[in-house]
Amino acid sequence: MAFFALMVIAALTSSISMLEAPVSVVTEKSGAPRSLVTMIVGSIVFLISAAIILNFSLLFDGVVAFTTKYSQPLLGLALCLFAGWVWHRDKKIQTLATAQGIQRSGFFWRIWPVYVRVVCPLLILMTFLQSLRG
């Protein structure tokens, strides 16, 4: 029971510190009394929080759908483009292979740069566009 009581105290002190920044900004901009601004900002935060809690399943499902349908494929595409075009991974692999005495004459070594730079981004983009169609 003491653990949960301490968690409540920790949550309250954290919420007070999070409320400090918006209250300070509004107080400085408007010149209104700090106690009034605190009540107004706290009420706004309470109302927004209540709306989120009452519609949690709808909002949660929306966030999950958004991240899985849009964010993950776009992040994968960005990561693939970064690894192929910006990071120059094939040059780093060449340096490592030279240092280790590995021969880079195999099929994998010839196709790797093209695969990472062109094939993977195109496949990810095609999959993403198809998921948008439904």
N, C-alpha and C. Protein backbone atom coordinates (compact mmCIF):
# COMPACT_ATOMS: atom_id res chain seq x y z
N MET A 1 0.83 -1.18 0.00
CA MET A 1 0.00 0.00 0.00
C MET A 1 0.88 1.25 0.00
N ALA A 2 2.01 1.17 0.70
CA ALA A 2 2.91 2.31 0.75
C ALA A 2 3.47 2.61 -0.64
N PHE A 3 3.71 1.56 -1.42
CA PHE A 3 4.22 1.76 -2.77
C PHE A 3 3.25 2.60 -3.61
N PHE A 4 1.97 2.24 -3.56
CA PHE A 4 0.99 2.96 -4.36
C PHE A 4 0.76 4.37 -3.83
N ALA A 5 0.85 4.56 -2.55
CA ALA A 5 0.74 5.91 -1.99
C ALA A 5 1.90 6.78 -2.47
N LEU A 6 3.10 6.21 -2.48
CA LEU A 6 4.25 6.96 -2.98
C LEU A 6 4.15 7.21 -4.49
N MET A 7 3.57 6.28 -5.23
CA MET A 7 3.35 6.50 -6.66
C MET A 7 2.38 7.65 -6.91
N VAL A 8 1.35 7.76 -6.08
CA VAL A 8 0.41 8.88 -6.21
C VAL A 8 1.12 10.20 -5.95
N ILE A 9 1.96 10.23 -4.93
CA ILE A 9 2.71 11.46 -4.62
C ILE A 9 3.66 11.80 -5.77
N ALA A 10 4.32 10.80 -6.31
CA ALA A 10 5.24 11.03 -7.43
C ALA A 10 4.48 11.56 -8.65
N ALA A 11 3.29 11.00 -8.91
CA ALA A 11 2.49 11.46 -10.04
C ALA A 11 2.04 12.91 -9.85
N LEU A 12 1.63 13.25 -8.64
CA LEU A 12 1.20 14.62 -8.38
C LEU A 12 2.34 15.62 -8.52
N THR A 13 3.50 15.29 -7.98
CA THR A 13 4.62 16.22 -8.10
C THR A 13 5.09 16.35 -9.55
N SER A 14 5.01 15.27 -10.30
CA SER A 14 5.38 15.33 -11.71
C SER A 14 4.38 16.18 -12.49
N SER A 15 3.09 16.03 -12.17
CA SER A 15 2.09 16.82 -12.89
C SER A 15 2.20 18.30 -12.54
N ILE A 16 2.60 18.61 -11.33
CA ILE A 16 2.81 20.01 -10.95
C ILE A 16 3.97 20.60 -11.75
N SER A 17 5.05 19.85 -11.90
CA SER A 17 6.19 20.36 -12.66
C SER A 17 5.86 20.47 -14.15
N MET A 18 5.02 19.59 -14.68
CA MET A 18 4.63 19.69 -16.09
C MET A 18 3.70 20.87 -16.33
N LEU A 19 2.93 21.25 -15.32
CA LEU A 19 2.01 22.38 -15.43
C LEU A 19 2.75 23.70 -15.32
N GLU A 20 3.95 23.68 -14.79
CA GLU A 20 4.71 24.91 -14.55
C GLU A 20 5.03 25.66 -15.83
N ALA A 21 5.48 24.95 -16.87
CA ALA A 21 5.89 25.62 -18.12
C ALA A 21 4.74 26.38 -18.79
N PRO A 22 3.58 25.73 -19.04
CA PRO A 22 2.50 26.50 -19.68
C PRO A 22 1.98 27.64 -18.81
N VAL A 23 1.93 27.44 -17.50
CA VAL A 23 1.47 28.50 -16.60
C VAL A 23 2.43 29.68 -16.65
N SER A 24 3.71 29.43 -16.66
CA SER A 24 4.69 30.51 -16.73
C SER A 24 4.57 31.30 -18.03
N VAL A 25 4.40 30.58 -19.13
CA VAL A 25 4.29 31.25 -20.43
C VAL A 25 3.05 32.13 -20.48
N VAL A 26 1.91 31.58 -20.07
CA VAL A 26 0.66 32.35 -20.11
C VAL A 26 0.72 33.53 -19.15
N THR A 27 1.30 33.33 -17.99
CA THR A 27 1.43 34.43 -17.01
C THR A 27 2.29 35.56 -17.58
N GLU A 28 3.41 35.22 -18.20
CA GLU A 28 4.29 36.24 -18.78
C GLU A 28 3.64 36.95 -19.96
N LYS A 29 2.94 36.20 -20.81
CA LYS A 29 2.33 36.80 -22.01
C LYS A 29 1.13 37.66 -21.67
N SER A 30 0.30 37.19 -20.73
CA SER A 30 -0.95 37.89 -20.46
C SER A 30 -0.87 38.85 -19.28
N GLY A 31 0.01 38.61 -18.35
CA GLY A 31 0.09 39.44 -17.16
C GLY A 31 -1.01 39.13 -16.14
N ALA A 32 -1.75 38.03 -16.36
CA ALA A 32 -2.82 37.63 -15.44
C ALA A 32 -2.23 37.05 -14.17
N PRO A 33 -3.01 37.07 -13.09
CA PRO A 33 -2.50 36.48 -11.84
C PRO A 33 -2.20 34.99 -11.99
N ARG A 34 -1.13 34.56 -11.35
CA ARG A 34 -0.66 33.18 -11.47
C ARG A 34 -1.71 32.18 -11.00
N SER A 35 -2.43 32.47 -9.94
CA SER A 35 -3.43 31.53 -9.42
C SER A 35 -4.56 31.32 -10.43
N LEU A 36 -4.98 32.40 -11.10
CA LEU A 36 -6.04 32.29 -12.11
C LEU A 36 -5.55 31.49 -13.31
N VAL A 37 -4.35 31.79 -13.78
CA VAL A 37 -3.79 31.07 -14.92
C VAL A 37 -3.62 29.59 -14.60
N THR A 38 -3.20 29.30 -13.39
CA THR A 38 -3.03 27.90 -12.97
C THR A 38 -4.35 27.16 -13.03
N MET A 39 -5.41 27.79 -12.56
CA MET A 39 -6.74 27.15 -12.58
C MET A 39 -7.22 26.94 -14.02
N ILE A 40 -7.00 27.93 -14.87
CA ILE A 40 -7.46 27.82 -16.26
C ILE A 40 -6.68 26.75 -17.01
N VAL A 41 -5.35 26.79 -16.93
CA VAL A 41 -4.52 25.81 -17.63
C VAL A 41 -4.78 24.41 -17.07
N GLY A 42 -4.89 24.28 -15.76
CA GLY A 42 -5.19 22.99 -15.15
C GLY A 42 -6.54 22.45 -15.60
N SER A 43 -7.53 23.32 -15.73
CA SER A 43 -8.85 22.90 -16.20
C SER A 43 -8.81 22.44 -17.65
N ILE A 44 -8.06 23.16 -18.47
CA ILE A 44 -7.92 22.77 -19.88
C ILE A 44 -7.25 21.39 -19.99
N VAL A 45 -6.18 21.20 -19.24
CA VAL A 45 -5.49 19.90 -19.24
C VAL A 45 -6.43 18.80 -18.75
N PHE A 46 -7.22 19.10 -17.72
CA PHE A 46 -8.17 18.12 -17.19
C PHE A 46 -9.21 17.74 -18.24
N LEU A 47 -9.76 18.74 -18.95
CA LEU A 47 -10.78 18.46 -19.96
C LEU A 47 -10.21 17.65 -21.13
N ILE A 48 -9.03 17.99 -21.56
CA ILE A 48 -8.40 17.23 -22.65
C ILE A 48 -8.11 15.80 -22.19
N SER A 49 -7.62 15.65 -20.97
CA SER A 49 -7.34 14.31 -20.43
C SER A 49 -8.62 13.50 -20.31
N ALA A 50 -9.70 14.13 -19.85
CA ALA A 50 -10.98 13.42 -19.73
C ALA A 50 -11.48 12.97 -21.10
N ALA A 51 -11.34 13.83 -22.11
CA ALA A 51 -11.76 13.45 -23.46
C ALA A 51 -10.94 12.27 -23.97
N ILE A 52 -9.65 12.28 -23.68
CA ILE A 52 -8.79 11.16 -24.10
C ILE A 52 -9.19 9.88 -23.38
N ILE A 53 -9.44 9.96 -22.09
CA ILE A 53 -9.80 8.76 -21.31
C ILE A 53 -11.14 8.20 -21.78
N LEU A 54 -12.11 9.08 -22.05
CA LEU A 54 -13.43 8.61 -22.46
C LEU A 54 -13.43 8.01 -23.86
N ASN A 55 -12.50 8.40 -24.69
CA ASN A 55 -12.41 7.87 -26.05
C ASN A 55 -11.12 7.09 -26.27
N PHE A 56 -10.62 6.45 -25.22
CA PHE A 56 -9.31 5.81 -25.29
C PHE A 56 -9.25 4.72 -26.33
N SER A 57 -10.25 3.85 -26.39
CA SER A 57 -10.18 2.72 -27.33
C SER A 57 -10.18 3.22 -28.77
N LEU A 58 -10.98 4.23 -29.07
CA LEU A 58 -11.00 4.79 -30.42
C LEU A 58 -9.66 5.45 -30.76
N LEU A 59 -9.13 6.23 -29.83
CA LEU A 59 -7.85 6.91 -30.08
C LEU A 59 -6.70 5.92 -30.16
N PHE A 60 -6.70 4.92 -29.28
CA PHE A 60 -5.63 3.92 -29.29
C PHE A 60 -5.65 3.14 -30.59
N ASP A 61 -6.84 2.72 -31.02
CA ASP A 61 -6.95 2.00 -32.29
C ASP A 61 -6.49 2.87 -33.45
N GLY A 62 -6.80 4.16 -33.40
CA GLY A 62 -6.37 5.08 -34.44
C GLY A 62 -4.86 5.23 -34.48
N VAL A 63 -4.25 5.34 -33.32
CA VAL A 63 -2.79 5.48 -33.26
C VAL A 63 -2.11 4.20 -33.75
N VAL A 64 -2.63 3.06 -33.35
CA VAL A 64 -2.05 1.78 -33.79
C VAL A 64 -2.20 1.63 -35.30
N ALA A 65 -3.38 1.96 -35.83
CA ALA A 65 -3.60 1.85 -37.27
C ALA A 65 -2.68 2.81 -38.03
N PHE A 66 -2.53 4.02 -37.52
CA PHE A 66 -1.68 5.01 -38.18
C PHE A 66 -0.23 4.56 -38.20
N THR A 67 0.26 4.08 -37.06
CA THR A 67 1.67 3.70 -37.01
C THR A 67 1.95 2.46 -37.84
N THR A 68 1.06 1.48 -37.82
CA THR A 68 1.34 0.27 -38.58
C THR A 68 1.10 0.46 -40.07
N LYS A 69 0.16 1.32 -40.43
CA LYS A 69 -0.16 1.50 -41.85
C LYS A 69 0.75 2.53 -42.53
N TYR A 70 1.14 3.57 -41.81
CA TYR A 70 1.90 4.65 -42.44
C TYR A 70 3.33 4.78 -41.89
N SER A 71 3.45 4.87 -40.58
CA SER A 71 4.75 5.18 -39.99
C SER A 71 5.79 4.09 -40.21
N GLN A 72 5.44 2.85 -39.97
CA GLN A 72 6.42 1.77 -40.10
C GLN A 72 6.93 1.60 -41.53
N PRO A 73 6.06 1.58 -42.54
CA PRO A 73 6.62 1.47 -43.90
C PRO A 73 7.45 2.69 -44.30
N LEU A 74 7.02 3.88 -43.92
CA LEU A 74 7.79 5.07 -44.27
C LEU A 74 9.13 5.11 -43.53
N LEU A 75 9.14 4.66 -42.29
CA LEU A 75 10.39 4.58 -41.55
C LEU A 75 11.32 3.54 -42.18
N GLY A 76 10.77 2.41 -42.59
CA GLY A 76 11.58 1.39 -43.27
C GLY A 76 12.15 1.91 -44.57
N LEU A 77 11.35 2.67 -45.32
CA LEU A 77 11.83 3.26 -46.57
C LEU A 77 12.95 4.26 -46.30
N ALA A 78 12.75 5.11 -45.29
CA ALA A 78 13.78 6.10 -44.95
C ALA A 78 15.06 5.41 -44.49
N LEU A 79 14.93 4.36 -43.70
CA LEU A 79 16.10 3.62 -43.22
C LEU A 79 16.85 2.96 -44.38
N CYS A 80 16.10 2.41 -45.31
CA CYS A 80 16.71 1.77 -46.47
C CYS A 80 17.43 2.80 -47.34
N LEU A 81 16.81 3.94 -47.57
CA LEU A 81 17.46 4.98 -48.36
C LEU A 81 18.70 5.51 -47.65
N PHE A 82 18.61 5.64 -46.34
CA PHE A 82 19.78 6.11 -45.58
C PHE A 82 20.92 5.10 -45.67
N ALA A 83 20.59 3.81 -45.47
CA ALA A 83 21.63 2.78 -45.50
C ALA A 83 22.25 2.65 -46.88
N GLY A 84 21.47 2.87 -47.93
CA GLY A 84 22.00 2.68 -49.28
C GLY A 84 22.67 3.91 -49.87
N TRP A 85 22.13 5.07 -49.61
CA TRP A 85 22.61 6.26 -50.31
C TRP A 85 23.42 7.22 -49.44
N VAL A 86 23.08 7.32 -48.17
CA VAL A 86 23.75 8.29 -47.31
C VAL A 86 24.91 7.65 -46.55
N TRP A 87 24.65 6.50 -45.98
CA TRP A 87 25.61 5.85 -45.10
C TRP A 87 26.76 5.21 -45.88
N HIS A 88 26.55 4.90 -47.15
CA HIS A 88 27.55 4.25 -48.00
C HIS A 88 28.09 2.98 -47.34
N ARG A 89 27.16 2.12 -47.00
CA ARG A 89 27.51 0.88 -46.31
C ARG A 89 28.42 0.00 -47.15
N ASP A 90 28.24 0.01 -48.47
CA ASP A 90 29.08 -0.84 -49.31
C ASP A 90 30.55 -0.43 -49.23
N LYS A 91 30.82 0.86 -49.05
CA LYS A 91 32.21 1.30 -48.90
C LYS A 91 32.78 0.83 -47.56
N LYS A 92 31.95 0.86 -46.53
CA LYS A 92 32.40 0.38 -45.22
C LYS A 92 32.65 -1.13 -45.26
N ILE A 93 31.78 -1.86 -45.95
CA ILE A 93 31.96 -3.31 -46.07
C ILE A 93 33.23 -3.60 -46.87
N GLN A 94 33.49 -2.81 -47.92
CA GLN A 94 34.72 -2.99 -48.71
C GLN A 94 35.95 -2.78 -47.83
N THR A 95 35.93 -1.76 -46.99
CA THR A 95 37.06 -1.50 -46.10
C THR A 95 37.26 -2.67 -45.14
N LEU A 96 36.17 -3.17 -44.57
CA LEU A 96 36.27 -4.31 -43.65
C LEU A 96 36.76 -5.57 -44.37
N ALA A 97 36.22 -5.79 -45.56
CA ALA A 97 36.63 -6.98 -46.32
C ALA A 97 38.11 -6.91 -46.68
N THR A 98 38.58 -5.74 -47.06
CA THR A 98 40.00 -5.57 -47.39
C THR A 98 40.86 -5.80 -46.15
N ALA A 99 40.44 -5.27 -45.02
CA ALA A 99 41.21 -5.43 -43.79
C ALA A 99 41.25 -6.89 -43.34
N GLN A 100 40.17 -7.64 -43.58
CA GLN A 100 40.11 -9.03 -43.15
C GLN A 100 40.61 -10.00 -44.21
N GLY A 101 40.90 -9.50 -45.41
CA GLY A 101 41.38 -10.38 -46.47
C GLY A 101 40.28 -11.19 -47.13
N ILE A 102 39.03 -10.71 -47.07
CA ILE A 102 37.90 -11.42 -47.66
C ILE A 102 37.77 -11.02 -49.13
N GLN A 103 37.60 -12.03 -50.00
CA GLN A 103 37.42 -11.77 -51.42
C GLN A 103 35.97 -11.35 -51.67
N ARG A 104 35.78 -10.23 -52.37
CA ARG A 104 34.43 -9.73 -52.65
C ARG A 104 34.07 -9.99 -54.10
N SER A 105 34.27 -11.20 -54.54
CA SER A 105 33.99 -11.51 -55.94
C SER A 105 32.71 -12.31 -56.11
N GLY A 106 32.06 -12.68 -55.03
CA GLY A 106 30.87 -13.50 -55.12
C GLY A 106 29.64 -12.73 -55.59
N PHE A 107 28.58 -13.49 -55.84
CA PHE A 107 27.31 -12.91 -56.30
C PHE A 107 26.74 -11.92 -55.29
N PHE A 108 26.82 -12.26 -54.00
CA PHE A 108 26.29 -11.39 -52.94
C PHE A 108 26.93 -10.02 -52.98
N TRP A 109 28.22 -9.97 -53.13
CA TRP A 109 28.95 -8.70 -53.09
C TRP A 109 28.64 -7.82 -54.29
N ARG A 110 28.31 -8.44 -55.42
CA ARG A 110 27.96 -7.64 -56.60
C ARG A 110 26.54 -7.10 -56.52
N ILE A 111 25.63 -7.87 -55.93
CA ILE A 111 24.23 -7.47 -55.92
C ILE A 111 23.87 -6.62 -54.70
N TRP A 112 24.65 -6.70 -53.63
CA TRP A 112 24.32 -6.02 -52.38
C TRP A 112 24.06 -4.52 -52.54
N PRO A 113 24.94 -3.73 -53.15
CA PRO A 113 24.68 -2.29 -53.25
C PRO A 113 23.40 -1.97 -54.04
N VAL A 114 23.17 -2.68 -55.13
CA VAL A 114 21.96 -2.44 -55.93
C VAL A 114 20.72 -2.86 -55.15
N TYR A 115 20.82 -3.95 -54.45
CA TYR A 115 19.68 -4.45 -53.68
C TYR A 115 19.27 -3.46 -52.60
N VAL A 116 20.24 -2.95 -51.86
CA VAL A 116 19.92 -2.03 -50.76
C VAL A 116 19.49 -0.67 -51.29
N ARG A 117 20.10 -0.21 -52.36
CA ARG A 117 19.81 1.14 -52.87
C ARG A 117 18.54 1.21 -53.71
N VAL A 118 18.24 0.15 -54.46
CA VAL A 118 17.14 0.23 -55.42
C VAL A 118 16.01 -0.74 -55.10
N VAL A 119 16.34 -2.02 -54.98
CA VAL A 119 15.31 -3.06 -54.86
C VAL A 119 14.52 -2.91 -53.56
N CYS A 120 15.20 -2.81 -52.44
CA CYS A 120 14.49 -2.71 -51.16
C CYS A 120 13.59 -1.48 -51.07
N PRO A 121 14.09 -0.28 -51.41
CA PRO A 121 13.17 0.87 -51.36
C PRO A 121 11.97 0.73 -52.29
N LEU A 122 12.18 0.17 -53.48
CA LEU A 122 11.05 -0.01 -54.40
C LEU A 122 10.03 -1.01 -53.85
N LEU A 123 10.50 -2.10 -53.28
CA LEU A 123 9.58 -3.09 -52.70
C LEU A 123 8.80 -2.50 -51.53
N ILE A 124 9.50 -1.76 -50.68
CA ILE A 124 8.81 -1.14 -49.54
C ILE A 124 7.79 -0.12 -50.03
N LEU A 125 8.16 0.69 -51.02
CA LEU A 125 7.25 1.69 -51.56
C LEU A 125 6.04 1.03 -52.23
N MET A 126 6.26 -0.05 -52.98
CA MET A 126 5.14 -0.75 -53.61
C MET A 126 4.19 -1.35 -52.57
N THR A 127 4.76 -1.93 -51.51
CA THR A 127 3.94 -2.48 -50.43
C THR A 127 3.15 -1.38 -49.74
N PHE A 128 3.79 -0.25 -49.50
CA PHE A 128 3.11 0.87 -48.85
C PHE A 128 1.97 1.40 -49.72
N LEU A 129 2.23 1.58 -51.01
CA LEU A 129 1.17 2.08 -51.90
C LEU A 129 0.02 1.09 -52.02
N GLN A 130 0.32 -0.19 -52.02
CA GLN A 130 -0.74 -1.19 -52.07
C GLN A 130 -1.56 -1.19 -50.79
N SER A 131 -0.91 -0.94 -49.65
CA SER A 131 -1.68 -0.90 -48.40
C SER A 131 -2.58 0.33 -48.35
N LEU A 132 -2.20 1.39 -49.06
CA LEU A 132 -3.08 2.58 -49.12
C LEU A 132 -4.32 2.31 -49.95
N ARG A 133 -4.17 1.47 -50.97
CA ARG A 133 -5.32 1.14 -51.81
C ARG A 133 -6.36 0.33 -51.06
N GLY A 134 -5.91 -0.47 -50.12
CA GLY A 134 -6.85 -1.25 -49.34
C GLY A 134 -6.80 -2.65 -49.60
